[in-house]
């Protein structure tokens, strides 16, 4: 699957998927075949970090 390149759009895309389809970041990454390290690094560039207790990037 092609992930959005723009980090702000990526944030919205990932948080929507986490809220509606996946119980964890690990499950999302496995299902979409993406590296959690690359995903978290992309979102860290806009100062957003995964919060496991909320299952979203803030």
N, C-alpha and C. Protein backbone atom coordinates (compact mmCIF):
# COMPACT_ATOMS: atom_id res chain seq x y z
N UNK A 1 0.84 -1.18 0.00
CA UNK A 1 0.00 0.00 0.00
C UNK A 1 0.88 1.24 0.00
N UNK A 2 0.49 2.22 -0.75
CA UNK A 2 1.21 3.49 -0.76
C UNK A 2 0.75 4.36 0.41
N UNK A 3 1.71 4.69 1.24
CA UNK A 3 1.41 5.55 2.39
C UNK A 3 1.58 7.00 1.94
N UNK A 4 0.79 7.90 2.50
CA UNK A 4 0.98 9.33 2.18
C UNK A 4 2.39 9.79 2.52
N UNK A 5 2.95 10.63 1.70
CA UNK A 5 4.31 11.14 1.92
C UNK A 5 4.32 12.36 2.85
N UNK A 6 3.31 13.20 2.72
CA UNK A 6 3.22 14.40 3.57
C UNK A 6 2.98 13.96 5.01
N UNK A 7 3.83 14.38 5.96
CA UNK A 7 3.71 13.90 7.34
C UNK A 7 2.37 14.25 8.01
N UNK A 8 1.78 15.37 7.68
CA UNK A 8 0.51 15.75 8.30
C UNK A 8 -0.62 14.85 7.79
N UNK A 9 -0.60 14.56 6.50
CA UNK A 9 -1.59 13.65 5.94
C UNK A 9 -1.34 12.23 6.46
N UNK A 10 -0.08 11.86 6.57
CA UNK A 10 0.28 10.56 7.12
C UNK A 10 -0.24 10.42 8.55
N UNK A 11 -0.12 11.45 9.33
CA UNK A 11 -0.62 11.43 10.72
C UNK A 11 -2.12 11.14 10.74
N UNK A 12 -2.87 11.83 9.93
CA UNK A 12 -4.31 11.61 9.86
C UNK A 12 -4.63 10.19 9.39
N UNK A 13 -3.94 9.75 8.36
CA UNK A 13 -4.14 8.41 7.81
C UNK A 13 -3.88 7.34 8.88
N UNK A 14 -2.74 7.45 9.54
CA UNK A 14 -2.35 6.43 10.54
C UNK A 14 -3.30 6.45 11.73
N UNK A 15 -3.61 7.61 12.26
CA UNK A 15 -4.49 7.68 13.43
C UNK A 15 -5.89 7.18 13.11
N UNK A 16 -6.38 7.44 11.90
CA UNK A 16 -7.68 6.92 11.50
C UNK A 16 -7.66 5.40 11.45
N UNK A 17 -6.62 4.86 10.86
CA UNK A 17 -6.49 3.40 10.79
C UNK A 17 -6.37 2.80 12.19
N UNK A 18 -5.58 3.41 13.05
CA UNK A 18 -5.42 2.90 14.41
C UNK A 18 -6.75 2.94 15.16
N UNK A 19 -7.48 4.00 14.98
CA UNK A 19 -8.77 4.14 15.68
C UNK A 19 -9.80 3.14 15.17
N UNK A 20 -9.84 2.93 13.85
CA UNK A 20 -10.92 2.15 13.26
C UNK A 20 -10.60 0.68 12.97
N UNK A 21 -9.33 0.34 12.81
CA UNK A 21 -9.02 -1.00 12.33
C UNK A 21 -8.00 -1.79 13.13
N UNK A 22 -7.08 -1.13 13.79
CA UNK A 22 -5.95 -1.86 14.39
C UNK A 22 -5.83 -1.59 15.88
N UNK A 23 -5.61 -2.63 16.67
CA UNK A 23 -5.48 -2.46 18.12
C UNK A 23 -4.11 -1.96 18.56
N UNK A 24 -3.14 -1.93 17.63
CA UNK A 24 -1.79 -1.50 18.01
C UNK A 24 -1.01 -1.05 16.78
N UNK A 25 0.04 -0.30 17.02
CA UNK A 25 0.92 0.14 15.94
C UNK A 25 1.56 -1.07 15.27
N UNK A 26 1.93 -2.05 16.05
CA UNK A 26 2.55 -3.27 15.52
C UNK A 26 1.62 -3.96 14.52
N UNK A 27 0.35 -4.08 14.85
CA UNK A 27 -0.62 -4.72 13.95
C UNK A 27 -0.79 -3.91 12.67
N UNK A 28 -0.86 -2.59 12.79
CA UNK A 28 -0.99 -1.73 11.61
C UNK A 28 0.20 -1.91 10.69
N UNK A 29 1.39 -1.85 11.24
CA UNK A 29 2.62 -1.97 10.43
C UNK A 29 2.71 -3.33 9.76
N UNK A 30 2.36 -4.37 10.49
CA UNK A 30 2.41 -5.72 9.93
C UNK A 30 1.40 -5.85 8.79
N UNK A 31 0.22 -5.36 8.98
CA UNK A 31 -0.83 -5.46 7.97
C UNK A 31 -0.50 -4.66 6.71
N UNK A 32 0.06 -3.46 6.89
CA UNK A 32 0.37 -2.59 5.76
C UNK A 32 1.78 -2.82 5.21
N UNK A 33 2.52 -3.73 5.84
CA UNK A 33 3.89 -4.05 5.43
C UNK A 33 4.78 -2.81 5.38
N UNK A 34 4.78 -2.09 6.50
CA UNK A 34 5.64 -0.91 6.64
C UNK A 34 6.48 -1.07 7.91
N UNK A 35 7.61 -0.42 7.94
CA UNK A 35 8.50 -0.46 9.08
C UNK A 35 8.00 0.52 10.15
N UNK A 36 7.85 0.03 11.37
CA UNK A 36 7.40 0.93 12.44
C UNK A 36 8.46 2.00 12.73
N UNK A 37 9.73 1.66 12.53
CA UNK A 37 10.80 2.63 12.75
C UNK A 37 10.71 3.79 11.75
N UNK A 38 10.49 3.46 10.48
CA UNK A 38 10.35 4.50 9.46
C UNK A 38 9.10 5.33 9.68
N UNK A 39 8.01 4.68 10.03
CA UNK A 39 6.76 5.39 10.27
C UNK A 39 6.89 6.34 11.46
N UNK A 40 7.44 5.85 12.56
CA UNK A 40 7.58 6.71 13.73
C UNK A 40 8.58 7.84 13.48
N UNK A 41 9.61 7.59 12.69
CA UNK A 41 10.57 8.64 12.36
C UNK A 41 9.92 9.73 11.50
N UNK A 42 9.09 9.32 10.56
CA UNK A 42 8.39 10.30 9.71
C UNK A 42 7.49 11.20 10.54
N UNK A 43 6.81 10.61 11.50
CA UNK A 43 5.89 11.40 12.31
C UNK A 43 6.62 12.18 13.41
N UNK A 44 7.77 11.70 13.83
CA UNK A 44 8.58 12.45 14.79
C UNK A 44 9.06 13.76 14.18
N UNK A 45 9.18 13.79 12.86
CA UNK A 45 9.61 15.01 12.16
C UNK A 45 8.63 16.16 12.37
N UNK A 46 7.38 15.83 12.66
CA UNK A 46 6.40 16.87 12.97
C UNK A 46 6.02 16.84 14.45
N UNK A 47 6.92 16.27 15.25
CA UNK A 47 6.78 16.22 16.70
C UNK A 47 5.56 15.44 17.18
N UNK A 48 5.26 14.35 16.50
CA UNK A 48 4.17 13.46 16.90
C UNK A 48 4.76 12.10 17.23
N UNK A 49 4.36 11.57 18.37
CA UNK A 49 4.92 10.32 18.87
C UNK A 49 3.80 9.37 19.25
N UNK A 50 4.05 8.07 19.06
CA UNK A 50 3.04 7.06 19.36
C UNK A 50 2.81 6.97 20.86
N UNK A 51 1.55 6.98 21.23
CA UNK A 51 1.12 6.83 22.62
C UNK A 51 0.36 5.51 22.73
N UNK A 52 1.03 4.43 23.17
CA UNK A 52 0.37 3.12 23.17
C UNK A 52 -0.91 3.06 24.01
N UNK A 53 -0.94 3.79 25.11
CA UNK A 53 -2.14 3.75 25.96
C UNK A 53 -3.35 4.36 25.26
N UNK A 54 -3.13 5.23 24.30
CA UNK A 54 -4.21 5.85 23.52
C UNK A 54 -4.30 5.26 22.12
N UNK A 55 -3.31 4.47 21.73
CA UNK A 55 -3.22 3.87 20.41
C UNK A 55 -3.35 4.94 19.31
N UNK A 56 -2.57 6.00 19.48
CA UNK A 56 -2.53 7.05 18.46
C UNK A 56 -1.27 7.86 18.58
N UNK A 57 -1.00 8.61 17.53
CA UNK A 57 0.13 9.51 17.52
C UNK A 57 -0.35 10.88 17.98
N UNK A 58 0.37 11.46 18.91
CA UNK A 58 0.03 12.80 19.42
C UNK A 58 1.27 13.68 19.34
